[in-house]
Amino acid sequence: MSSKIFQMFSKKFENTLSRLKGRKRLWFVLDESKCRLLYYKSEIEARSKDPLGAIEIRGSAISLALEEDNQFVVHSNGESTLLLQKIMNL
Protein backbone atom coordinates (compact mmCIF):
# COMPACT_ATOMS: atom_id res chain seq x y z
CA MET A 1 0.00 0.00 0.00
CA SER A 2 1.40 3.41 -0.94
CA SER A 3 1.13 6.46 1.30
CA LYS A 4 -0.20 9.76 0.06
CA ILE A 5 1.81 12.86 0.86
CA PHE A 6 -0.04 16.15 1.24
CA GLN A 7 0.99 19.69 2.01
CA MET A 8 -0.65 21.78 4.71
CA PHE A 9 0.03 24.80 6.84
CA SER A 10 0.13 24.12 10.57
CA LYS A 11 -0.30 26.26 13.71
CA LYS A 12 0.16 24.73 17.15
CA PHE A 13 -1.51 25.87 20.38
CA GLU A 14 -0.41 24.66 23.82
CA ASN A 15 -3.97 25.21 25.03
CA THR A 16 -6.89 27.43 24.15
CA LEU A 17 -5.55 30.39 26.17
CA SER A 18 -2.01 30.39 24.82
CA ARG A 19 -0.67 32.56 22.05
CA LEU A 20 -0.60 31.14 18.59
CA LYS A 21 2.85 30.07 17.43
CA GLY A 22 3.90 30.82 13.84
CA ARG A 23 2.32 29.12 10.87
CA LYS A 24 4.57 26.53 9.22
CA ARG A 25 4.34 24.84 5.86
CA LEU A 26 4.70 21.11 6.42
CA TRP A 27 4.19 17.89 4.48
CA PHE A 28 2.07 15.17 6.10
CA VAL A 29 1.78 11.41 5.70
CA LEU A 30 -0.94 9.38 7.39
CA ASP A 31 0.51 6.39 9.26
CA GLU A 32 -2.64 4.24 9.31
CA SER A 33 -1.07 1.41 11.32
CA LYS A 34 -0.30 3.70 14.29
CA CYS A 35 -3.09 6.28 13.76
CA ARG A 36 -0.71 9.24 13.44
CA LEU A 37 -0.08 12.12 11.07
CA LEU A 38 3.67 12.26 10.49
CA TYR A 39 5.08 15.62 9.43
CA TYR A 40 8.12 16.68 7.44
CA LYS A 41 9.81 19.87 6.18
CA SER A 42 9.44 18.99 2.51
CA GLU A 43 7.97 16.47 0.12
CA ILE A 44 11.46 15.09 -0.57
CA GLU A 45 12.07 14.51 3.16
CA ALA A 46 8.65 12.85 3.45
CA ARG A 47 9.81 10.28 0.93
CA SER A 48 13.27 9.66 2.35
CA LYS A 49 13.79 10.80 5.97
CA ASP A 50 12.43 10.28 9.46
CA PRO A 51 9.59 12.66 10.39
CA LEU A 52 10.08 15.85 12.39
CA GLY A 53 7.25 14.66 14.60
CA ALA A 54 3.76 13.19 14.70
CA ILE A 55 0.23 14.13 15.69
CA GLU A 56 -1.70 11.34 17.43
CA ILE A 57 -5.04 10.69 15.76
CA ARG A 58 -6.26 7.78 17.93
CA GLY A 59 -8.37 9.20 20.73
CA SER A 60 -8.15 12.74 19.40
CA ALA A 61 -10.99 15.11 18.65
CA ILE A 62 -11.09 16.74 15.25
CA SER A 63 -13.18 19.84 14.64
CA LEU A 64 -13.77 22.20 11.76
CA ALA A 65 -12.35 25.70 12.00
CA LEU A 66 -14.80 27.84 10.07
CA GLU A 67 -12.61 30.91 9.54
CA GLU A 68 -11.34 29.54 6.24
CA ASP A 69 -12.19 26.68 3.86
CA ASN A 70 -10.24 23.41 4.20
CA GLN A 71 -9.25 24.13 7.81
CA PHE A 72 -9.57 21.85 10.83
CA VAL A 73 -8.16 21.44 14.35
CA VAL A 74 -6.79 18.23 15.85
CA HIS A 75 -7.05 18.14 19.67
CA SER A 76 -4.69 15.48 21.01
CA ASN A 77 -2.64 14.92 24.19
CA GLY A 78 -3.39 18.37 25.62
CA GLU A 79 -2.38 20.21 22.44
CA SER A 80 -4.40 21.62 19.57
CA THR A 81 -3.00 21.84 16.06
CA LEU A 82 -4.72 23.89 13.38
CA LEU A 83 -4.28 22.41 9.91
CA LEU A 84 -5.08 24.31 6.73
CA GLN A 85 -4.82 22.74 3.32
CA LYS A 86 -4.28 25.17 0.48
CA ILE A 87 -5.91 23.98 -2.72
CA MET A 88 -3.82 24.84 -5.75
CA ASN A 89 -5.44 25.33 -9.14
CA LEU A 90 -3.31 23.89 -11.93
C-alpha atoms as a PDB file:
ATOM      1  CA  MET A   1       0.000   0.000   0.000  1.00  0.00           C
ATOM      2  CA  SER A   2       1.403   3.407  -0.936  1.00  0.00           C
ATOM      3  CA  SER A   3       1.126   6.459   1.305  1.00  0.00           C
ATOM      4  CA  LYS A   4      -0.202   9.756   0.059  1.00  0.00           C
ATOM      5  CA  ILE A   5       1.810  12.862   0.863  1.00  0.00           C
ATOM      6  CA  PHE A   6      -0.039  16.150   1.238  1.00  0.00           C
ATOM      7  CA  GLN A   7       0.989  19.695   2.014  1.00  0.00           C
ATOM      8  CA  MET A   8      -0.653  21.782   4.715  1.00  0.00           C
ATOM      9  CA  PHE A   9       0.031  24.804   6.844  1.00  0.00           C
ATOM     10  CA  SER A  10       0.132  24.116  10.570  1.00  0.00           C
ATOM     11  CA  LYS A  11      -0.299  26.260  13.709  1.00  0.00           C
ATOM     12  CA  LYS A  12       0.163  24.732  17.151  1.00  0.00           C
ATOM     13  CA  PHE A  13      -1.510  25.871  20.385  1.00  0.00           C
ATOM     14  CA  GLU A  14      -0.410  24.663  23.817  1.00  0.00           C
ATOM     15  CA  ASN A  15      -3.968  25.211  25.034  1.00  0.00           C
ATOM     16  CA  THR A  16      -6.894  27.432  24.152  1.00  0.00           C
ATOM     17  CA  LEU A  17      -5.555  30.386  26.174  1.00  0.00           C
ATOM     18  CA  SER A  18      -2.009  30.385  24.822  1.00  0.00           C
ATOM     19  CA  ARG A  19      -0.671  32.561  22.052  1.00  0.00           C
ATOM     20  CA  LEU A  20      -0.598  31.140  18.588  1.00  0.00           C
ATOM     21  CA  LYS A  21       2.849  30.067  17.430  1.00  0.00           C
ATOM     22  CA  GLY A  22       3.903  30.818  13.844  1.00  0.00           C
ATOM     23  CA  ARG A  23       2.324  29.123  10.874  1.00  0.00           C
ATOM     24  CA  LYS A  24       4.571  26.532   9.222  1.00  0.00           C
ATOM     25  CA  ARG A  25       4.342  24.840   5.856  1.00  0.00           C
ATOM     26  CA  LEU A  26       4.704  21.107   6.418  1.00  0.00           C
ATOM     27  CA  TRP A  27       4.190  17.892   4.477  1.00  0.00           C
ATOM     28  CA  PHE A  28       2.073  15.174   6.102  1.00  0.00           C
ATOM     29  CA  VAL A  29       1.782  11.411   5.701  1.00  0.00           C
ATOM     30  CA  LEU A  30      -0.943   9.384   7.388  1.00  0.00           C
ATOM     31  CA  ASP A  31       0.507   6.391   9.264  1.00  0.00           C
ATOM     32  CA  GLU A  32      -2.642   4.241   9.308  1.00  0.00           C
ATOM     33  CA  SER A  33      -1.072   1.411  11.316  1.00  0.00           C
ATOM     34  CA  LYS A  34      -0.301   3.702  14.290  1.00  0.00           C
ATOM     35  CA  CYS A  35      -3.092   6.282  13.757  1.00  0.00           C
ATOM     36  CA  ARG A  36      -0.714   9.237  13.437  1.00  0.00           C
ATOM     37  CA  LEU A  37      -0.083  12.115  11.072  1.00  0.00           C
ATOM     38  CA  LEU A  38       3.670  12.259  10.488  1.00  0.00           C
ATOM     39  CA  TYR A  39       5.078  15.624   9.431  1.00  0.00           C
ATOM     40  CA  TYR A  40       8.124  16.677   7.443  1.00  0.00           C
ATOM     41  CA  LYS A  41       9.809  19.870   6.182  1.00  0.00           C
ATOM     42  CA  SER A  42       9.444  18.987   2.507  1.00  0.00           C
ATOM     43  CA  GLU A  43       7.968  16.465   0.116  1.00  0.00           C
ATOM     44  CA  ILE A  44      11.465  15.086  -0.567  1.00  0.00           C
ATOM     45  CA  GLU A  45      12.072  14.514   3.164  1.00  0.00           C
ATOM     46  CA  ALA A  46       8.649  12.854   3.452  1.00  0.00           C
ATOM     47  CA  ARG A  47       9.806  10.283   0.928  1.00  0.00           C
ATOM     48  CA  SER A  48      13.267   9.657   2.348  1.00  0.00           C
ATOM     49  CA  LYS A  49      13.791  10.801   5.972  1.00  0.00           C
ATOM     50  CA  ASP A  50      12.435  10.280   9.462  1.00  0.00           C
ATOM     51  CA  PRO A  51       9.593  12.658  10.393  1.00  0.00           C
ATOM     52  CA  LEU A  52      10.078  15.850  12.385  1.00  0.00           C
ATOM     53  CA  GLY A  53       7.247  14.660  14.596  1.00  0.00           C
ATOM     54  CA  ALA A  54       3.762  13.191  14.705  1.00  0.00           C
ATOM     55  CA  ILE A  55       0.226  14.132  15.689  1.00  0.00           C
ATOM     56  CA  GLU A  56      -1.700  11.338  17.428  1.00  0.00           C
ATOM     57  CA  ILE A  57      -5.043  10.689  15.759  1.00  0.00           C
ATOM     58  CA  ARG A  58      -6.256   7.780  17.928  1.00  0.00           C
ATOM     59  CA  GLY A  59      -8.372   9.204  20.733  1.00  0.00           C
ATOM     60  CA  SER A  60      -8.149  12.741  19.401  1.00  0.00           C
ATOM     61  CA  ALA A  61     -10.994  15.109  18.648  1.00  0.00           C
ATOM     62  CA  ILE A  62     -11.090  16.743  15.247  1.00  0.00           C
ATOM     63  CA  SER A  63     -13.180  19.839  14.643  1.00  0.00           C
ATOM     64  CA  LEU A  64     -13.768  22.204  11.757  1.00  0.00           C
ATOM     65  CA  ALA A  65     -12.351  25.700  11.995  1.00  0.00           C
ATOM     66  CA  LEU A  66     -14.799  27.837  10.070  1.00  0.00           C
ATOM     67  CA  GLU A  67     -12.614  30.911   9.543  1.00  0.00           C
ATOM     68  CA  GLU A  68     -11.337  29.541   6.238  1.00  0.00           C
ATOM     69  CA  ASP A  69     -12.191  26.679   3.857  1.00  0.00           C
ATOM     70  CA  ASN A  70     -10.240  23.412   4.203  1.00  0.00           C
ATOM     71  CA  GLN A  71      -9.245  24.127   7.806  1.00  0.00           C
ATOM     72  CA  PHE A  72      -9.566  21.846  10.834  1.00  0.00           C
ATOM     73  CA  VAL A  73      -8.165  21.439  14.346  1.00  0.00           C
ATOM     74  CA  VAL A  74      -6.786  18.227  15.851  1.00  0.00           C
ATOM     75  CA  HIS A  75      -7.051  18.144  19.670  1.00  0.00           C
ATOM     76  CA  SER A  76      -4.687  15.477  21.013  1.00  0.00           C
ATOM     77  CA  ASN A  77      -2.645  14.923  24.192  1.00  0.00           C
ATOM     78  CA  GLY A  78      -3.389  18.372  25.616  1.00  0.00           C
ATOM     79  CA  GLU A  79      -2.383  20.212  22.437  1.00  0.00           C
ATOM     80  CA  SER A  80      -4.398  21.618  19.570  1.00  0.00           C
ATOM     81  CA  THR A  81      -3.002  21.841  16.056  1.00  0.00           C
ATOM     82  CA  LEU A  82      -4.720  23.890  13.377  1.00  0.00           C
ATOM     83  CA  LEU A  83      -4.278  22.414   9.906  1.00  0.00           C
ATOM     84  CA  LEU A  84      -5.085  24.309   6.727  1.00  0.00           C
ATOM     85  CA  GLN A  85      -4.819  22.744   3.324  1.00  0.00           C
ATOM     86  CA  LYS A  86      -4.281  25.171   0.476  1.00  0.00           C
ATOM     87  CA  ILE A  87      -5.911  23.978  -2.723  1.00  0.00           C
ATOM     88  CA  MET A  88      -3.818  24.844  -5.750  1.00  0.00           C
ATOM     89  CA  ASN A  89      -5.438  25.332  -9.137  1.00  0.00           C
ATOM     90  CA  LEU A  90      -3.314  23.888 -11.929  1.00  0.00           C
END
